[in-house]
Amino acid sequence: MKKTMFISTVMLVSFFFGTISSHAGPVLEEIKAYLNHEITFVLNGAKWQPADANGKKVEPITFNGTTYVPLRAVSQALGVPVEYDGVNKQIILGEKRDSVSFLSNTISLDKKSYYTSSVTHNASELKLGDKQYKGAFKLEEVSSNRKKLTIDFGKAYAKGHIVATANFNVHHNEMKFRVLNDNDEVLYEGTLTKEAPLVEADFNITGMNRYLSVDFVATVGGDSVGYVLLDDSWVK
């Protein structure tokens, strides 16, 4: 195997990721590595060649028995966002979670629409499977009459994420919930059942100035409880 010696005076990630600040520091370590021309790539069953931002072919690096691949090229090929934060010297894969939790004190939850609605921090109610949630908006007496939570975010957002669950009484096997914008347009609709009582979903926000609402409805007969799990629900 023909190996071309590559002497790196910057972090390996700078070769793969793109331009990283050239300011040297004690965290940089000089190494001897090799551009490995023998390795080829297959992406979703087809041959694939990683390239840099200018379309120039880039090769993987072999160092101490480990192969390092071009991160930006691979992430873009797989559809995973990638970004370099030069201030914090941090590579960010996937979407940044610069989000606002429904549990944030900057968010106002309308507890006046229904007298049987409230925020609960009861740990016994919020232990679901192996996860302990911190808080939930609790809509009691959910039946054929929709019970609604209105949320004031103070400003508009583009995306949202909701985690909802339910506590069913003996008469109910199913409960539906919806996320609506300020024009009462449905952004997301989900179904909770006794067999699958928790739903987690993303949704896009359109037509919202500052308000969202979530409502729950079940069949006639009996009253169940719907929950919006506030700490894992967010907008951004």
Protein backbone atom coordinates (compact mmCIF):
# COMPACT_ATOMS: atom_id res chain seq x y z
CA MET A 1 0.00 0.00 0.00
CA LYS A 2 1.36 3.36 -0.99
CA LYS A 3 1.23 5.74 1.91
CA THR A 4 1.85 9.44 1.79
CA MET A 5 3.16 10.81 5.05
CA PHE A 6 1.10 13.63 6.43
CA ILE A 7 2.66 15.74 9.19
CA SER A 8 -0.14 17.56 10.99
CA THR A 9 0.56 20.61 13.14
CA VAL A 10 -3.14 21.20 13.61
CA MET A 11 -5.90 18.99 14.91
CA LEU A 12 -7.02 16.19 12.61
CA VAL A 13 -10.46 17.68 12.54
CA SER A 14 -9.18 20.76 10.74
CA PHE A 15 -8.33 18.59 7.72
CA PHE A 16 -11.73 16.98 7.63
CA PHE A 17 -14.03 19.67 8.85
CA GLY A 18 -12.79 22.76 7.12
CA THR A 19 -11.07 25.91 8.24
CA ILE A 20 -10.45 26.15 11.96
CA SER A 21 -8.72 29.03 13.69
CA SER A 22 -4.98 28.89 13.10
CA HIS A 23 -4.09 30.27 16.51
CA ALA A 24 -1.77 27.71 18.03
CA GLY A 25 -2.24 26.61 21.59
CA PRO A 26 -1.15 23.96 24.05
CA VAL A 27 -3.98 21.65 22.94
CA LEU A 28 -2.41 21.17 19.50
CA GLU A 29 -0.12 18.19 19.11
CA GLU A 30 2.08 17.30 16.15
CA ILE A 31 1.54 13.81 14.81
CA LYS A 32 2.60 11.60 11.91
CA ALA A 33 -0.33 10.21 9.96
CA TYR A 34 -0.98 8.88 6.46
CA LEU A 35 -3.37 9.73 3.68
CA ASN A 36 -4.88 6.32 2.91
CA HIS A 37 -5.53 6.06 -0.83
CA GLU A 38 -6.64 2.42 -0.64
CA ILE A 39 -9.88 3.06 1.24
CA THR A 40 -13.01 3.56 -0.85
CA PHE A 41 -16.54 4.47 0.23
CA VAL A 42 -20.00 3.07 -0.44
CA LEU A 43 -22.99 5.24 0.47
CA ASN A 44 -26.45 3.64 0.43
CA GLY A 45 -25.21 0.93 -1.93
CA ALA A 46 -23.44 3.24 -4.40
CA LYS A 47 -19.81 4.31 -4.73
CA TRP A 48 -19.15 7.66 -3.11
CA GLN A 49 -16.14 9.95 -2.89
CA PRO A 50 -15.84 12.55 -0.13
CA ALA A 51 -14.93 16.03 -1.27
CA ASP A 52 -14.26 19.40 0.34
CA ALA A 53 -16.38 22.54 -0.03
CA ASN A 54 -14.73 23.24 -3.41
CA GLY A 55 -15.46 19.77 -4.74
CA LYS A 56 -11.84 18.62 -4.39
CA LYS A 57 -11.38 14.94 -3.55
CA VAL A 58 -10.27 14.29 0.03
CA GLU A 59 -8.83 11.09 1.44
CA PRO A 60 -9.22 9.41 4.83
CA ILE A 61 -6.31 9.48 7.25
CA THR A 62 -4.82 6.49 9.05
CA PHE A 63 -3.22 7.18 12.42
CA ASN A 64 -2.18 4.57 14.98
CA GLY A 65 -4.44 1.94 13.45
CA THR A 66 -7.52 4.19 13.37
CA THR A 67 -9.02 5.62 10.19
CA TYR A 68 -10.32 9.19 10.32
CA VAL A 69 -12.90 10.23 7.75
CA PRO A 70 -13.74 13.71 6.42
CA LEU A 71 -16.43 14.81 8.84
CA ARG A 72 -18.11 17.59 6.87
CA ALA A 73 -18.32 15.55 3.67
CA VAL A 74 -19.74 12.52 5.50
CA SER A 75 -22.24 14.53 7.52
CA GLN A 76 -23.52 16.33 4.43
CA ALA A 77 -23.84 13.05 2.54
CA LEU A 78 -25.91 11.61 5.40
CA GLY A 79 -28.02 14.75 5.74
CA VAL A 80 -26.75 15.63 9.22
CA PRO A 81 -26.09 19.35 9.81
CA VAL A 82 -22.56 20.13 10.94
CA GLU A 83 -21.12 23.42 12.19
CA TYR A 84 -17.91 24.56 13.80
CA ASP A 85 -18.13 26.99 16.73
CA GLY A 86 -14.76 28.73 16.62
CA VAL A 87 -15.33 30.62 19.86
CA ASN A 88 -15.90 27.50 21.94
CA LYS A 89 -13.76 25.21 19.73
CA GLN A 90 -16.72 22.89 19.36
CA ILE A 91 -18.10 20.84 16.47
CA ILE A 92 -21.89 20.72 16.46
CA LEU A 93 -23.57 17.76 14.77
CA GLY A 94 -27.31 17.81 14.13
CA GLU A 95 -29.56 20.73 14.98
CA LYS A 96 -28.42 23.14 17.66
CA ARG A 97 -30.65 23.02 20.71
CA ASP A 98 -30.91 26.78 21.10
CA SER A 99 -34.48 26.06 22.11
CA VAL A 100 -36.83 27.34 24.80
CA SER A 101 -38.39 24.70 27.01
CA PHE A 102 -42.10 24.93 27.87
CA LEU A 103 -40.87 24.86 31.48
CA SER A 104 -38.90 28.09 31.02
CA ASN A 105 -39.88 31.02 33.22
CA THR A 106 -40.01 33.16 30.06
CA ILE A 107 -43.13 31.27 28.94
CA SER A 108 -46.61 31.99 30.24
CA LEU A 109 -49.06 29.08 30.60
CA ASP A 110 -52.75 29.98 30.70
CA LYS A 111 -54.23 28.25 33.76
CA LYS A 112 -57.53 30.12 33.62
CA SER A 113 -59.20 28.53 30.60
CA TYR A 114 -60.34 25.53 32.65
CA TYR A 115 -60.52 25.33 36.40
CA THR A 116 -59.31 21.72 36.32
CA SER A 117 -55.99 22.63 34.67
CA SER A 118 -52.72 23.20 36.49
CA VAL A 119 -48.95 22.72 36.39
CA THR A 120 -47.78 19.68 38.34
CA HIS A 121 -44.32 18.82 39.62
CA ASN A 122 -45.51 15.65 41.36
CA ALA A 123 -42.70 13.14 40.84
CA SER A 124 -45.02 10.13 41.07
CA GLU A 125 -47.12 11.46 38.17
CA LEU A 126 -44.08 12.32 36.09
CA LYS A 127 -42.16 9.03 36.28
CA LEU A 128 -42.70 7.45 32.87
CA GLY A 129 -40.75 4.29 32.18
CA ASP A 130 -37.11 4.92 33.04
CA LYS A 131 -37.41 8.70 32.76
CA GLN A 132 -38.31 11.17 35.48
CA TYR A 133 -39.81 14.39 34.10
CA LYS A 134 -39.70 17.66 36.04
CA GLY A 135 -43.01 19.27 35.21
CA ALA A 136 -46.18 18.97 33.17
CA PHE A 137 -49.27 20.95 32.35
CA LYS A 138 -52.13 18.77 33.54
CA LEU A 139 -55.58 18.89 31.95
CA GLU A 140 -58.06 16.96 34.07
CA GLU A 141 -61.56 15.78 33.21
CA VAL A 142 -60.75 15.26 29.53
CA SER A 143 -63.78 13.80 27.79
CA SER A 144 -65.74 14.63 24.64
CA ASN A 145 -65.35 18.32 25.49
CA ARG A 146 -61.92 19.52 24.44
CA LYS A 147 -59.65 20.77 27.20
CA LYS A 148 -57.24 23.43 26.01
CA LEU A 149 -53.91 24.84 27.15
CA THR A 150 -52.80 28.20 25.72
CA ILE A 151 -49.10 29.07 25.73
CA ASP A 152 -47.70 32.58 25.38
CA PHE A 153 -44.10 32.43 24.14
CA GLY A 154 -43.73 36.20 23.91
CA LYS A 155 -42.52 36.01 20.32
CA ALA A 156 -42.74 33.85 17.21
CA TYR A 157 -40.76 30.65 16.65
CA ALA A 158 -40.28 28.42 13.60
CA LYS A 159 -40.17 24.89 15.01
CA GLY A 160 -41.62 23.04 17.96
CA HIS A 161 -41.36 19.73 19.78
CA ILE A 162 -44.04 18.28 22.03
CA VAL A 163 -44.14 15.39 24.48
CA ALA A 164 -47.65 14.41 25.59
CA THR A 165 -49.03 11.59 27.69
CA ALA A 166 -52.29 10.57 29.35
CA ASN A 167 -53.69 8.83 32.40
CA PHE A 168 -56.80 6.93 31.29
CA ASN A 169 -59.80 6.03 33.36
CA VAL A 170 -61.63 2.74 32.91
CA HIS A 171 -63.96 4.14 30.24
CA HIS A 172 -61.29 5.48 27.90
CA ASN A 173 -58.81 3.62 25.73
CA GLU A 174 -57.80 6.52 23.52
CA MET A 175 -57.23 10.26 23.64
CA LYS A 176 -56.38 12.65 20.82
CA PHE A 177 -54.43 15.88 21.15
CA ARG A 178 -53.63 18.72 18.78
CA VAL A 179 -51.13 21.55 18.58
CA LEU A 180 -52.63 24.70 17.04
CA ASN A 181 -51.28 28.09 16.06
CA ASP A 182 -52.82 31.46 16.86
CA ASN A 183 -55.25 31.05 13.93
CA ASP A 184 -56.43 27.67 15.27
CA GLU A 185 -54.73 25.90 12.37
CA VAL A 186 -53.62 22.38 13.33
CA LEU A 187 -49.83 22.04 13.31
CA TYR A 188 -49.76 18.51 14.70
CA GLU A 189 -52.32 15.90 15.76
CA GLY A 190 -51.48 12.82 17.77
CA THR A 191 -53.21 9.88 19.43
CA LEU A 192 -52.53 8.51 22.91
CA THR A 193 -53.69 5.01 23.84
CA LYS A 194 -53.46 2.77 26.89
CA GLU A 195 -50.96 0.62 24.98
CA ALA A 196 -48.91 3.66 23.82
CA PRO A 197 -49.68 6.48 26.27
CA LEU A 198 -46.79 8.77 25.30
CA VAL A 199 -46.18 10.62 22.02
CA GLU A 200 -43.13 12.72 21.16
CA ALA A 201 -43.16 14.68 17.90
CA ASP A 202 -41.67 17.62 16.01
CA PHE A 203 -43.78 20.15 14.15
CA ASN A 204 -43.27 23.27 12.07
CA ILE A 205 -44.88 26.50 13.25
CA THR A 206 -46.72 28.69 10.76
CA GLY A 207 -48.87 31.75 11.33
CA MET A 208 -47.86 32.18 14.95
CA ASN A 209 -47.25 35.60 16.44
CA ARG A 210 -46.65 34.51 20.00
CA TYR A 211 -49.27 31.91 21.00
CA LEU A 212 -49.68 28.17 20.62
CA SER A 213 -52.38 25.99 22.11
CA VAL A 214 -52.67 22.29 22.86
CA ASP A 215 -56.03 20.59 23.32
CA PHE A 216 -57.10 17.09 24.34
CA VAL A 217 -60.31 15.17 23.67
CA ALA A 218 -61.54 11.66 24.49
CA THR A 219 -64.76 9.77 23.92
CA VAL A 220 -68.02 10.26 25.79
CA GLY A 221 -68.16 8.67 29.23
CA GLY A 222 -65.64 9.16 31.99
CA ASP A 223 -62.87 11.69 32.47
CA SER A 224 -59.17 11.08 31.82
CA VAL A 225 -56.11 13.29 32.32
CA GLY A 226 -53.88 14.70 29.59
CA TYR A 227 -50.36 15.96 30.19
CA VAL A 228 -47.98 18.17 28.23
CA LEU A 229 -44.54 17.28 29.58
CA LEU A 230 -43.04 20.73 29.83
CA ASP A 231 -39.33 20.07 30.29
CA ASP A 232 -38.98 18.03 27.08
CA SER A 233 -41.35 20.17 24.98
CA TRP A 234 -39.76 23.20 23.33
CA VAL A 235 -39.81 25.77 20.55
CA LYS A 236 -36.97 27.37 18.62
